[in-house]
């Protein structure tokens, strides 16, 4: 009797993988007679193998090999920092944003512009010249390498494909309750909201909007929906236990209110460098969640990113908020609708009070497409711009706005 594992071979190196693929058990060139006739690997590894196999000097016939078009899974790579120094984390993030910006603007490595700081008179991190990363090292494409690595999600999004994408959750539920109630001590945002049974959510609105309700539609309605989705996640499904405060998009009053604790979270604000670092001493820096809405600007312009903003002094609450935004996209990826909300994973990493948080969130809001259709109606992907699920591995990269002008 043969088992599935009998047909699985693990290569310990790229050389071994290509030999497994090429070596025959007999003299025929039938791929089915090879010791291995399929390679499953990340794209960079496969491209290396493919290059070797197509090397004409090898004398091997590789005409019967083809590259598959199906992406099995996507694993985003990032720079990881500790969560006890938000300013340093912000600096790292904006260095990466500068590498993307260089591609968008056609800026490449230029040693004549790569200069040491001789004129910096303040110690504000936002005053750093992040473009030095490009001038001294190169833009994202230059660092990433050849054209083969500039495919799929590793390209600049020009507005003609979706950018809605959820970072993989990993393991959210802990069977041993290792995290039981560790984050809900007095004075934390999660504890205070749970204790008061009320979420204070700010909503940034265009000029002329004087009220936001459950009947609001389009962008304002979608923003209100995310406030209520967060309330449902925090308060056992009670999506109406939210106090909505509206703010103008033409001033910084919303970020002042977030900084002084008038509101717990801000929805509908643009991701910008000046808000990420803050404007000392009156306005502290904020943490932006995964974006839930993108503007339709061209790739060379500052594309608008809209997300939920939280204070940087409570990283656990910021993580919780981001997790809720990701949950709406995760539900879309796995075809989990409002009616199927019990298929959402349990989450214990924020304490036992919030184990049902993601199920409660989706039970109110539904998945990303349900939220979008409720507020904008049924539109084609072309009409939605960047605001649909990136399920085909299309371009996912674009820099945040305000890199140059957001000081």
Foldseek 3Di string as FASTA:
>chain_A
DDDPVVLDDDDPDLVRVLCQQQDAPDDDRPSVRGNHPDDDDDQVSVVVSVVVQPPVVVVDDPVPDDDDQDDPDDADDDDDDDLPDLLVVLLRQLLLLLLQLCVLQVNAAAQVPQDDDDPDDDDQSLPDQSNSSRNHPTHPDVVQDDPSSCFFANHQDFLQEAQDDFRDPPDFDDPVLPQAVVQLDPPAPLVVCQVVLAAEEEEEDEPPDDDQDCPAFDPSNLQLLLQLLQSLLSRVLRSVRYDYDYDYLPDCVVQLCQQVVVGAKYWFHWDAPCQQCDDPPRGHHKDWAQFQAWARDGQNDAITGTGMIGHSPRVLVVVSSNVLSSLLAVCVVVVQFLVNLVVDAFGDNNHPSRRCSSSSSRVRQTHSVSSNCVRPNDDDRSVRRRNDDSPSRHHNDGRHPHSPPVD
